[in-house]
Amino acid sequence: MSSRPHKQSMSELKLRRLTEHNQRLKEDLNRPRIRVSEASNSLIRYCRATKDPLLPSVWGSLAKGEDPYAPPQQGCCSGELIVLFLSARSLEPPLKQSVDGILVVM
């Protein structure tokens, strides 16, 4: 008789799994759908209407104000570029040199 409750619980488990699967299928059936041709046309319209700055051969070059990938005109820095070269052998202070208004530290 000990096997009988086990079989009953297995059948209840199977019933519960089938019920849950049936519920998921019903939810999937109620999900709104569109035809593939409509989705394709919508995608084509979007691609034709939206400029892609990474495709200048198709859309032409963008103005710097329109290009989201252009470097910012004024950032947080004052415009000085500091380049530092350190040698593992030398512990001497670096040499400072100005090249075209740019401070280069060697």
PDB file of N, CA and C in Angstrom:
ATOM      1  N   MET A   1       0.806  -1.199   0.000  1.00  0.00           N
ATOM      2  CA  MET A   1       0.000   0.000   0.000  1.00  0.00           C
ATOM      3  C   MET A   1       0.847   1.260   0.000  1.00  0.00           C
ATOM      4  N   SER A   2       2.109   1.147   0.361  1.00  0.00           N
ATOM      5  CA  SER A   2       2.956   2.329   0.382  1.00  0.00           C
ATOM      6  C   SER A   2       3.224   2.861  -1.020  1.00  0.00           C
ATOM      7  N   SER A   3       3.121   1.986  -2.038  1.00  0.00           N
ATOM      8  CA  SER A   3       3.355   2.451  -3.399  1.00  0.00           C
ATOM      9  C   SER A   3       2.154   3.224  -3.942  1.00  0.00           C
ATOM     10  N   ARG A   4       0.985   2.963  -3.433  1.00  0.00           N
ATOM     11  CA  ARG A   4      -0.226   3.626  -3.920  1.00  0.00           C
ATOM     12  C   ARG A   4      -0.209   5.137  -3.676  1.00  0.00           C
ATOM     13  N   PRO A   5       0.111   5.648  -2.479  1.00  0.00           N
ATOM     14  CA  PRO A   5       0.167   7.105  -2.300  1.00  0.00           C
ATOM     15  C   PRO A   5       1.250   7.737  -3.178  1.00  0.00           C
ATOM     16  N   HIS A   6       2.325   7.015  -3.388  1.00  0.00           N
ATOM     17  CA  HIS A   6       3.395   7.535  -4.239  1.00  0.00           C
ATOM     18  C   HIS A   6       2.901   7.717  -5.676  1.00  0.00           C
ATOM     19  N   LYS A   7       2.168   6.714  -6.180  1.00  0.00           N
ATOM     20  CA  LYS A   7       1.631   6.815  -7.536  1.00  0.00           C
ATOM     21  C   LYS A   7       0.608   7.935  -7.626  1.00  0.00           C
ATOM     22  N   GLN A   8      -0.142   8.110  -6.591  1.00  0.00           N
ATOM     23  CA  GLN A   8      -1.134   9.175  -6.591  1.00  0.00           C
ATOM     24  C   GLN A   8      -0.445  10.537  -6.599  1.00  0.00           C
ATOM     25  N   SER A   9       0.602  10.698  -5.823  1.00  0.00           N
ATOM     26  CA  SER A   9       1.301  11.977  -5.820  1.00  0.00           C
ATOM     27  C   SER A   9       1.999  12.221  -7.155  1.00  0.00           C
ATOM     28  N   MET A  10       2.492  11.156  -7.809  1.00  0.00           N
ATOM     29  CA  MET A  10       3.102  11.316  -9.134  1.00  0.00           C
ATOM     30  C   MET A  10       2.052  11.759 -10.149  1.00  0.00           C
ATOM     31  N   SER A  11       0.872  11.184 -10.062  1.00  0.00           N
ATOM     32  CA  SER A  11      -0.189  11.577 -10.992  1.00  0.00           C
ATOM     33  C   SER A  11      -0.636  13.019 -10.730  1.00  0.00           C
ATOM     34  N   GLU A  12      -0.655  13.419  -9.455  1.00  0.00           N
ATOM     35  CA  GLU A  12      -0.991  14.808  -9.138  1.00  0.00           C
ATOM     36  C   GLU A  12       0.076  15.760  -9.666  1.00  0.00           C
ATOM     37  N   LEU A  13       1.320  15.341  -9.541  1.00  0.00           N
ATOM     38  CA  LEU A  13       2.414  16.158 -10.064  1.00  0.00           C
ATOM     39  C   LEU A  13       2.317  16.307 -11.585  1.00  0.00           C
ATOM     40  N   LYS A  14       2.030  15.221 -12.274  1.00  0.00           N
ATOM     41  CA  LYS A  14       1.871  15.272 -13.733  1.00  0.00           C
ATOM     42  C   LYS A  14       0.697  16.163 -14.117  1.00  0.00           C
ATOM     43  N   LEU A  15      -0.412  16.040 -13.374  1.00  0.00           N
ATOM     44  CA  LEU A  15      -1.576  16.873 -13.652  1.00  0.00           C
ATOM     45  C   LEU A  15      -1.244  18.349 -13.458  1.00  0.00           C
ATOM     46  N   ARG A  16      -0.527  18.658 -12.377  1.00  0.00           N
ATOM     47  CA  ARG A  16      -0.156  20.053 -12.122  1.00  0.00           C
ATOM     48  C   ARG A  16       0.746  20.593 -13.238  1.00  0.00           C
ATOM     49  N   ARG A  17       1.718  19.785 -13.670  1.00  0.00           N
ATOM     50  CA  ARG A  17       2.598  20.217 -14.765  1.00  0.00           C
ATOM     51  C   ARG A  17       1.827  20.429 -16.055  1.00  0.00           C
ATOM     52  N   LEU A  18       0.912  19.526 -16.364  1.00  0.00           N
ATOM     53  CA  LEU A  18       0.097  19.684 -17.577  1.00  0.00           C
ATOM     54  C   LEU A  18      -0.796  20.920 -17.489  1.00  0.00           C
ATOM     55  N   THR A  19      -1.338  21.178 -16.313  1.00  0.00           N
ATOM     56  CA  THR A  19      -2.180  22.359 -16.118  1.00  0.00           C
ATOM     57  C   THR A  19      -1.368  23.636 -16.300  1.00  0.00           C
ATOM     58  N   GLU A  20      -0.164  23.662 -15.731  1.00  0.00           N
ATOM     59  CA  GLU A  20       0.696  24.843 -15.906  1.00  0.00           C
ATOM     60  C   GLU A  20       1.097  25.028 -17.360  1.00  0.00           C
ATOM     61  N   HIS A  21       1.420  23.926 -18.032  1.00  0.00           N
ATOM     62  CA  HIS A  21       1.795  24.014 -19.447  1.00  0.00           C
ATOM     63  C   HIS A  21       0.612  24.506 -20.276  1.00  0.00           C
ATOM     64  N   ASN A  22      -0.572  24.016 -19.964  1.00  0.00           N
ATOM     65  CA  ASN A  22      -1.776  24.446 -20.671  1.00  0.00           C
ATOM     66  C   ASN A  22      -2.018  25.942 -20.463  1.00  0.00           C
ATOM     67  N   GLN A  23      -1.785  26.430 -19.253  1.00  0.00           N
ATOM     68  CA  GLN A  23      -1.958  27.851 -18.955  1.00  0.00           C
ATOM     69  C   GLN A  23      -0.973  28.695 -19.760  1.00  0.00           C
ATOM     70  N   ARG A  24       0.289  28.249 -19.849  1.00  0.00           N
ATOM     71  CA  ARG A  24       1.290  28.986 -20.643  1.00  0.00           C
ATOM     72  C   ARG A  24       0.907  29.013 -22.114  1.00  0.00           C
ATOM     73  N   LEU A  25       0.377  27.909 -22.621  1.00  0.00           N
ATOM     74  CA  LEU A  25      -0.056  27.868 -24.021  1.00  0.00           C
ATOM     75  C   LEU A  25      -1.221  28.829 -24.271  1.00  0.00           C
ATOM     76  N   LYS A  26      -2.147  28.914 -23.309  1.00  0.00           N
ATOM     77  CA  LYS A  26      -3.263  29.857 -23.451  1.00  0.00           C
ATOM     78  C   LYS A  26      -2.767  31.293 -23.455  1.00  0.00           C
ATOM     79  N   GLU A  27      -1.805  31.615 -22.568  1.00  0.00           N
ATOM     80  CA  GLU A  27      -1.238  32.967 -22.546  1.00  0.00           C
ATOM     81  C   GLU A  27      -0.525  33.284 -23.857  1.00  0.00           C
ATOM     82  N   ASP A  28       0.182  32.302 -24.396  1.00  0.00           N
ATOM     83  CA  ASP A  28       0.875  32.486 -25.666  1.00  0.00           C
ATOM     84  C   ASP A  28      -0.127  32.713 -26.798  1.00  0.00           C
ATOM     85  N   LEU A  29      -1.230  32.014 -26.751  1.00  0.00           N
ATOM     86  CA  LEU A  29      -2.262  32.160 -27.776  1.00  0.00           C
ATOM     87  C   LEU A  29      -2.910  33.540 -27.728  1.00  0.00           C
ATOM     88  N   ASN A  30      -3.042  34.121 -26.543  1.00  0.00           N
ATOM     89  CA  ASN A  30      -3.669  35.436 -26.387  1.00  0.00           C
ATOM     90  C   ASN A  30      -2.732  36.593 -26.683  1.00  0.00           C
ATOM     91  N   ARG A  31      -1.436  36.325 -26.879  1.00  0.00           N
ATOM     92  CA  ARG A  31      -0.464  37.383 -27.162  1.00  0.00           C
ATOM     93  C   ARG A  31      -0.779  38.016 -28.516  1.00  0.00           C
ATOM     94  N   PRO A  32      -0.774  39.359 -28.596  1.00  0.00           N
ATOM     95  CA  PRO A  32      -1.066  40.009 -29.875  1.00  0.00           C
ATOM     96  C   PRO A  32       0.008  39.679 -30.908  1.00  0.00           C
ATOM     97  N   ARG A  33      -0.426  39.480 -32.139  1.00  0.00           N
ATOM     98  CA  ARG A  33       0.496  39.102 -33.207  1.00  0.00           C
ATOM     99  C   ARG A  33       0.252  39.960 -34.435  1.00  0.00           C
ATOM    100  N   ILE A  34       1.312  40.091 -35.258  1.00  0.00           N
ATOM    101  CA  ILE A  34       1.174  40.760 -36.554  1.00  0.00           C
ATOM    102  C   ILE A  34       1.787  39.843 -37.606  1.00  0.00           C
ATOM    103  N   ARG A  35       1.413  40.069 -38.830  1.00  0.00           N
ATOM    104  CA  ARG A  35       1.946  39.254 -39.922  1.00  0.00           C
ATOM    105  C   ARG A  35       3.399  39.617 -40.181  1.00  0.00           C
ATOM    106  N   VAL A  36       4.139  38.662 -40.722  1.00  0.00           N
ATOM    107  CA  VAL A  36       5.548  38.880 -41.023  1.00  0.00           C
ATOM    108  C   VAL A  36       5.715  39.992 -42.049  1.00  0.00           C
ATOM    109  N   SER A  37       4.830  40.062 -43.018  1.00  0.00           N
ATOM    110  CA  SER A  37       4.928  41.108 -44.043  1.00  0.00           C
ATOM    111  C   SER A  37       4.755  42.494 -43.419  1.00  0.00           C
ATOM    112  N   GLU A  38       3.852  42.636 -42.445  1.00  0.00           N
ATOM    113  CA  GLU A  38       3.669  43.917 -41.768  1.00  0.00           C
ATOM    114  C   GLU A  38       4.902  44.279 -40.946  1.00  0.00           C
ATOM    115  N   ALA A  39       5.464  43.301 -40.242  1.00  0.00           N
ATOM    116  CA  ALA A  39       6.668  43.550 -39.446  1.00  0.00           C
ATOM    117  C   ALA A  39       7.832  43.935 -40.352  1.00  0.00           C
ATOM    118  N   SER A  40       7.955  43.268 -41.493  1.00  0.00           N
ATOM    119  CA  SER A  40       9.030  43.576 -42.439  1.00  0.00           C
ATOM    120  C   SER A  40       8.886  44.986 -42.987  1.00  0.00           C
ATOM    121  N   ASN A  41       7.677  45.351 -43.374  1.00  0.00           N
ATOM    122  CA  ASN A  41       7.452  46.708 -43.891  1.00  0.00           C
ATOM    123  C   ASN A  41       7.729  47.759 -42.825  1.00  0.00           C
ATOM    124  N   SER A  42       7.355  47.482 -41.598  1.00  0.00           N
ATOM    125  CA  SER A  42       7.624  48.419 -40.512  1.00  0.00           C
ATOM    126  C   SER A  42       9.129  48.585 -40.306  1.00  0.00           C
ATOM    127  N   LEU A  43       9.860  47.502 -40.346  1.00  0.00           N
ATOM    128  CA  LEU A  43      11.312  47.552 -40.196  1.00  0.00           C
ATOM    129  C   LEU A  43      11.967  48.304 -41.350  1.00  0.00           C
ATOM    130  N   ILE A  44      11.499  48.088 -42.565  1.00  0.00           N
ATOM    131  CA  ILE A  44      12.041  48.793 -43.734  1.00  0.00           C
ATOM    132  C   ILE A  44      11.778  50.290 -43.623  1.00  0.00           C
ATOM    133  N   ARG A  45      10.561  50.673 -43.218  1.00  0.00           N
ATOM    134  CA  ARG A  45      10.242  52.092 -43.042  1.00  0.00           C
ATOM    135  C   ARG A  45      11.141  52.730 -41.993  1.00  0.00           C
ATOM    136  N   TYR A  46      11.372  52.042 -40.890  1.00  0.00           N
ATOM    137  CA  TYR A  46      12.233  52.573 -39.827  1.00  0.00           C
ATOM    138  C   TYR A  46      13.659  52.771 -40.330  1.00  0.00           C
ATOM    139  N   CYS A  47      14.184  51.780 -41.049  1.00  0.00           N
ATOM    140  CA  CYS A  47      15.567  51.879 -41.539  1.00  0.00           C
ATOM    141  C   CYS A  47      15.720  52.993 -42.571  1.00  0.00           C
ATOM    142  N   ARG A  48      14.715  53.228 -43.364  1.00  0.00           N
ATOM    143  CA  ARG A  48      14.785  54.305 -44.356  1.00  0.00           C
ATOM    144  C   ARG A  48      14.649  55.677 -43.713  1.00  0.00           C
ATOM    145  N   ALA A  49      13.915  55.762 -42.619  1.00  0.00           N
ATOM    146  CA  ALA A  49      13.656  57.064 -41.990  1.00  0.00           C
ATOM    147  C   ALA A  49      14.707  57.449 -40.953  1.00  0.00           C
ATOM    148  N   THR A  50      15.456  56.493 -40.426  1.00  0.00           N
ATOM    149  CA  THR A  50      16.405  56.765 -39.351  1.00  0.00           C
ATOM    150  C   THR A  50      17.816  56.803 -39.910  1.00  0.00           C
ATOM    151  N   LYS A  51      18.480  57.944 -39.751  1.00  0.00           N
ATOM    152  CA  LYS A  51      19.861  58.070 -40.224  1.00  0.00           C
ATOM    153  C   LYS A  51      20.802  57.333 -39.280  1.00  0.00           C
ATOM    154  N   ASP A  52      21.749  56.621 -39.858  1.00  0.00           N
ATOM    155  CA  ASP A  52      22.741  55.887 -39.072  1.00  0.00           C
ATOM    156  C   ASP A  52      24.095  56.554 -39.272  1.00  0.00           C
ATOM    157  N   PRO A  53      24.659  57.182 -38.241  1.00  0.00           N
ATOM    158  CA  PRO A  53      25.930  57.884 -38.404  1.00  0.00           C
ATOM    159  C   PRO A  53      27.102  56.945 -38.696  1.00  0.00           C
ATOM    160  N   LEU A  54      26.925  55.651 -38.489  1.00  0.00           N
ATOM    161  CA  LEU A  54      27.995  54.703 -38.769  1.00  0.00           C
ATOM    162  C   LEU A  54      28.004  54.263 -40.235  1.00  0.00           C
ATOM    163  N   LEU A  55      27.056  54.741 -41.029  1.00  0.00           N
ATOM    164  CA  LEU A  55      27.006  54.425 -42.453  1.00  0.00           C
ATOM    165  C   LEU A  55      27.063  55.700 -43.287  1.00  0.00           C
ATOM    166  N   PRO A  56      28.199  56.400 -43.294  1.00  0.00           N
ATOM    167  CA  PRO A  56      28.271  57.643 -44.058  1.00  0.00           C
ATOM    168  C   PRO A  56      28.183  57.405 -45.562  1.00  0.00           C
ATOM    169  N   SER A  57      28.518  56.218 -46.046  1.00  0.00           N
ATOM    170  CA  SER A  57      28.418  55.943 -47.481  1.00  0.00           C
ATOM    171  C   SER A  57      26.964  55.923 -47.936  1.00  0.00           C
ATOM    172  N   VAL A  58      26.046  55.636 -47.038  1.00  0.00           N
ATOM    173  CA  VAL A  58      24.622  55.601 -47.378  1.00  0.00           C
ATOM    174  C   VAL A  58      23.965  56.946 -47.098  1.00  0.00           C
ATOM    175  N   TRP A  59      24.243  57.542 -45.935  1.00  0.00           N
ATOM    176  CA  TRP A  59      23.547  58.745 -45.490  1.00  0.00           C
ATOM    177  C   TRP A  59      24.350  60.025 -45.690  1.00  0.00           C
ATOM    178  N   GLY A  60      25.615  59.896 -46.031  1.00  0.00           N
ATOM    179  CA  GLY A  60      26.450  61.086 -46.123  1.00  0.00           C
ATOM    180  C   GLY A  60      26.974  61.452 -44.746  1.00  0.00           C
ATOM    181  N   SER A  61      27.963  62.305 -44.730  1.00  0.00           N
ATOM    182  CA  SER A  61      28.542  62.666 -43.438  1.00  0.00           C
ATOM    183  C   SER A  61      27.606  63.609 -42.690  1.00  0.00           C
ATOM    184  N   LEU A  62      27.596  63.484 -41.393  1.00  0.00           N
ATOM    185  CA  LEU A  62      26.737  64.309 -40.548  1.00  0.00           C
ATOM    186  C   LEU A  62      27.512  65.521 -40.053  1.00  0.00           C
ATOM    187  N   ALA A  63      26.776  66.544 -39.715  1.00  0.00           N
ATOM    188  CA  ALA A  63      27.392  67.709 -39.081  1.00  0.00           C
ATOM    189  C   ALA A  63      27.859  67.305 -37.693  1.00  0.00           C
ATOM    190  N   LYS A  64      28.865  67.997 -37.174  1.00  0.00           N
ATOM    191  CA  LYS A  64      29.411  67.622 -35.869  1.00  0.00           C
ATOM    192  C   LYS A  64      28.367  67.720 -34.763  1.00  0.00           C
ATOM    193  N   GLY A  65      27.440  68.613 -34.893  1.00  0.00           N
ATOM    194  CA  GLY A  65      26.392  68.747 -33.882  1.00  0.00           C
ATOM    195  C   GLY A  65      25.405  67.596 -33.907  1.00  0.00           C
ATOM    196  N   GLU A  66      25.244  66.950 -35.075  1.00  0.00           N
ATOM    197  CA  GLU A  66      24.301  65.847 -35.210  1.00  0.00           C
ATOM    198  C   GLU A  66      24.932  64.494 -34.915  1.00  0.00           C
ATOM    199  N   ASP A  67      26.259  64.406 -34.992  1.00  0.00           N
ATOM    200  CA  ASP A  67      26.954  63.134 -34.841  1.00  0.00           C
ATOM    201  C   ASP A  67      27.122  62.792 -33.357  1.00  0.00           C
ATOM    202  N   PRO A  68      26.454  61.725 -32.884  1.00  0.00           N
ATOM    203  CA  PRO A  68      26.584  61.380 -31.468  1.00  0.00           C
ATOM    204  C   PRO A  68      27.951  60.798 -31.122  1.00  0.00           C
ATOM    205  N   TYR A  69      28.731  60.399 -32.137  1.00  0.00           N
ATOM    206  CA  TYR A  69      30.033  59.799 -31.893  1.00  0.00           C
ATOM    207  C   TYR A  69      31.185  60.785 -32.070  1.00  0.00           C
ATOM    208  N   ALA A  70      30.875  62.016 -32.399  1.00  0.00           N
ATOM    209  CA  ALA A  70      31.917  63.029 -32.552  1.00  0.00           C
ATOM    210  C   ALA A  70      32.481  63.390 -31.173  1.00  0.00           C
ATOM    211  N   PRO A  71      33.779  63.692 -31.120  1.00  0.00           N
ATOM    212  CA  PRO A  71      34.343  64.086 -29.820  1.00  0.00           C
ATOM    213  C   PRO A  71      33.748  65.410 -29.362  1.00  0.00           C
ATOM    214  N   PRO A  72      33.575  65.582 -28.074  1.00  0.00           N
ATOM    215  CA  PRO A  72      32.983  66.827 -27.574  1.00  0.00           C
ATOM    216  C   PRO A  72      33.896  68.019 -27.863  1.00  0.00           C
ATOM    217  N   GLN A  73      33.276  69.161 -28.129  1.00  0.00           N
ATOM    218  CA  GLN A  73      34.032  70.366 -28.445  1.00  0.00           C
ATOM    219  C   GLN A  73      34.783  70.865 -27.221  1.00  0.00           C
ATOM    220  N   GLN A  74      34.116  70.940 -26.108  1.00  0.00           N
ATOM    221  CA  GLN A  74      34.752  71.381 -24.870  1.00  0.00           C
ATOM    222  C   GLN A  74      34.439  70.359 -23.799  1.00  0.00           C
ATOM    223  N   GLY A  75      35.489  69.781 -23.272  1.00  0.00           N
ATOM    224  CA  GLY A  75      35.302  68.785 -22.230  1.00  0.00           C
ATOM    225  C   GLY A  75      35.641  69.351 -20.876  1.00  0.00           C
ATOM    226  N   CYS A  76      36.036  68.502 -20.001  1.00  0.00           N
ATOM    227  CA  CYS A  76      36.354  68.924 -18.650  1.00  0.00           C
ATOM    228  C   CYS A  76      37.799  69.409 -18.537  1.00  0.00           C
ATOM    229  N   CYS A  77      38.606  69.166 -19.547  1.00  0.00           N
ATOM    230  CA  CYS A  77      40.020  69.541 -19.499  1.00  0.00           C
ATOM    231  C   CYS A  77      40.232  70.926 -20.118  1.00  0.00           C
ATOM    232  N   SER A  78      41.367  71.523 -19.803  1.00  0.00           N
ATOM    233  CA  SER A  78      41.648  72.867 -20.309  1.00  0.00           C
ATOM    234  C   SER A  78      42.265  72.840 -21.698  1.00  0.00           C
ATOM    235  N   GLY A  79      42.454  71.659 -22.261  1.00  0.00           N
ATOM    236  CA  GLY A  79      43.034  71.571 -23.596  1.00  0.00           C
ATOM    237  C   GLY A  79      44.498  71.167 -23.571  1.00  0.00           C
ATOM    238  N   GLU A  80      45.096  71.078 -22.397  1.00  0.00           N
ATOM    239  CA  GLU A  80      46.488  70.651 -22.311  1.00  0.00           C
ATOM    240  C   GLU A  80      46.550  69.143 -22.369  1.00  0.00           C
ATOM    241  N   LEU A  81      47.523  68.678 -23.091  1.00  0.00           N
ATOM    242  CA  LEU A  81      47.756  67.247 -23.175  1.00  0.00           C
ATOM    243  C   LEU A  81      49.080  66.952 -22.496  1.00  0.00           C
ATOM    244  N   ILE A  82      49.054  66.084 -21.533  1.00  0.00           N
ATOM    245  CA  ILE A  82      50.274  65.733 -20.818  1.00  0.00           C
ATOM    246  C   ILE A  82      50.610  64.292 -21.153  1.00  0.00           C
ATOM    247  N   VAL A  83      51.795  64.109 -21.715  1.00  0.00           N
ATOM    248  CA  VAL A  83      52.266  62.775 -22.055  1.00  0.00           C
ATOM    249  C   VAL A  83      53.430  62.472 -21.147  1.00  0.00           C
ATOM    250  N   LEU A  84      53.391  61.338 -20.496  1.00  0.00           N
ATOM    251  CA  LEU A  84      54.402  61.009 -19.507  1.00  0.00           C
ATOM    252  C   LEU A  84      55.082  59.712 -19.898  1.00  0.00           C
ATOM    253  N   PHE A  85      56.407  59.767 -20.065  1.00  0.00           N
ATOM    254  CA  PHE A  85      57.210  58.579 -20.359  1.00  0.00           C
ATOM    255  C   PHE A  85      58.121  58.346 -19.165  1.00  0.00           C
ATOM    256  N   LEU A  86      57.992  57.230 -18.534  1.00  0.00           N
ATOM    257  CA  LEU A  86      58.838  56.906 -17.397  1.00  0.00           C
ATOM    258  C   LEU A  86      59.743  55.741 -17.764  1.00  0.00           C
ATOM    259  N   SER A  87      60.970  55.836 -17.351  1.00  0.00           N
ATOM    260  CA  SER A  87      61.915  54.764 -17.575  1.00  0.00           C
ATOM    261  C   SER A  87      62.101  54.020 -16.270  1.00  0.00           C
ATOM    262  N   ALA A  88      62.128  52.708 -16.337  1.00  0.00           N
ATOM    263  CA  ALA A  88      62.311  51.903 -15.131  1.00  0.00           C
ATOM    264  C   ALA A  88      63.728  52.059 -14.584  1.00  0.00           C
ATOM    265  N   ARG A  89      64.686  52.389 -15.449  1.00  0.00           N
ATOM    266  CA  ARG A  89      66.076  52.527 -15.013  1.00  0.00           C
ATOM    267  C   ARG A  89      66.347  53.874 -14.369  1.00  0.00           C
ATOM    268  N   SER A  90      65.611  54.875 -14.776  1.00  0.00           N
ATOM    269  CA  SER A  90      65.920  56.235 -14.348  1.00  0.00           C
ATOM    270  C   SER A  90      64.875  56.735 -13.364  1.00  0.00           C
ATOM    271  N   LEU A  91      65.322  57.312 -12.293  1.00  0.00           N
ATOM    272  CA  LEU A  91      64.431  57.922 -11.326  1.00  0.00           C
ATOM    273  C   LEU A  91      64.552  59.440 -11.352  1.00  0.00           C
ATOM    274  N   GLU A  92      65.110  59.958 -12.450  1.00  0.00           N
ATOM    275  CA  GLU A  92      65.275  61.399 -12.601  1.00  0.00           C
ATOM    276  C   GLU A  92      63.910  62.029 -12.831  1.00  0.00           C
ATOM    277  N   PRO A  93      63.763  63.290 -12.447  1.00  0.00           N
ATOM    278  CA  PRO A  93      62.481  63.954 -12.719  1.00  0.00           C
ATOM    279  C   PRO A  93      62.289  64.090 -14.230  1.00  0.00           C
ATOM    280  N   PRO A  94      61.072  64.046 -14.683  1.00  0.00           N
ATOM    281  CA  PRO A  94      60.818  64.144 -16.117  1.00  0.00           C
ATOM    282  C   PRO A  94      61.149  65.530 -16.656  1.00  0.00           C
ATOM    283  N   LEU A  95      61.479  65.576 -17.952  1.00  0.00           N
ATOM    284  CA  LEU A  95      61.756  66.843 -18.631  1.00  0.00           C
ATOM    285  C   LEU A  95      60.451  67.399 -19.168  1.00  0.00           C
ATOM    286  N   LYS A  96      60.269  68.696 -19.040  1.00  0.00           N
ATOM    287  CA  LYS A  96      59.066  69.341 -19.543  1.00  0.00           C
ATOM    288  C   LYS A  96      59.422  70.126 -20.786  1.00  0.00           C
ATOM    289  N   GLN A  97      58.594  69.996 -21.809  1.00  0.00           N
ATOM    290  CA  GLN A  97      58.835  70.692 -23.059  1.00  0.00           C
ATOM    291  C   GLN A  97      57.482  71.083 -23.650  1.00  0.00           C
ATOM    292  N   SER A  98      57.431  72.274 -24.200  1.00  0.00           N
ATOM    293  CA  SER A  98      56.191  72.746 -24.807  1.00  0.00           C
ATOM    294  C   SER A  98      56.325  72.649 -26.324  1.00  0.00           C
ATOM    295  N   VAL A  99      55.374  71.972 -26.952  1.00  0.00           N
ATOM    296  CA  VAL A  99      55.358  71.815 -28.410  1.00  0.00           C
ATOM    297  C   VAL A  99      54.023  72.348 -28.908  1.00  0.00           C
ATOM    298  N   ASP A 100      54.038  73.422 -29.659  1.00  0.00           N
ATOM    299  CA  ASP A 100      52.840  74.056 -30.213  1.00  0.00           C
ATOM    300  C   ASP A 100      51.783  74.289 -29.144  1.00  0.00           C
ATOM    301  N   GLY A 101      52.190  74.778 -28.006  1.00  0.00           N
ATOM    302  CA  GLY A 101      51.247  75.095 -26.939  1.00  0.00           C
ATOM    303  C   GLY A 101      50.816  73.895 -26.132  1.00  0.00           C
ATOM    304  N   ILE A 102      51.389  72.695 -26.419  1.00  0.00           N
ATOM    305  CA  ILE A 102      51.030  71.481 -25.689  1.00  0.00           C
ATOM    306  C   ILE A 102      52.199  71.122 -24.786  1.00  0.00           C
ATOM    307  N   LEU A 103      51.925  70.911 -23.543  1.00  0.00           N
ATOM    308  CA  LEU A 103      52.962  70.582 -22.578  1.00  0.00           C
ATOM    309  C   LEU A 103      53.233  69.080 -22.671  1.00  0.00           C
ATOM    310  N   VAL A 104      54.465  68.723 -23.004  1.00  0.00           N
ATOM    311  CA  VAL A 104      54.850  67.333 -23.118  1.00  0.00           C
ATOM    312  C   VAL A 104      55.863  67.066 -22.019  1.00  0.00           C
ATOM    313  N   VAL A 105      55.589  66.056 -21.197  1.00  0.00           N
ATOM    314  CA  VAL A 105      56.480  65.697 -20.101  1.00  0.00           C
ATOM    315  C   VAL A 105      57.179  64.407 -20.502  1.00  0.00           C
ATOM    316  N   MET A 106      58.530  64.452 -20.503  1.00  0.00           N
ATOM    317  CA  MET A 106      59.314  63.263 -20.879  1.00  0.00           C
ATOM    318  C   MET A 106      60.156  62.793 -19.722  1.00  0.00           C
TER     319      MET A 106
END
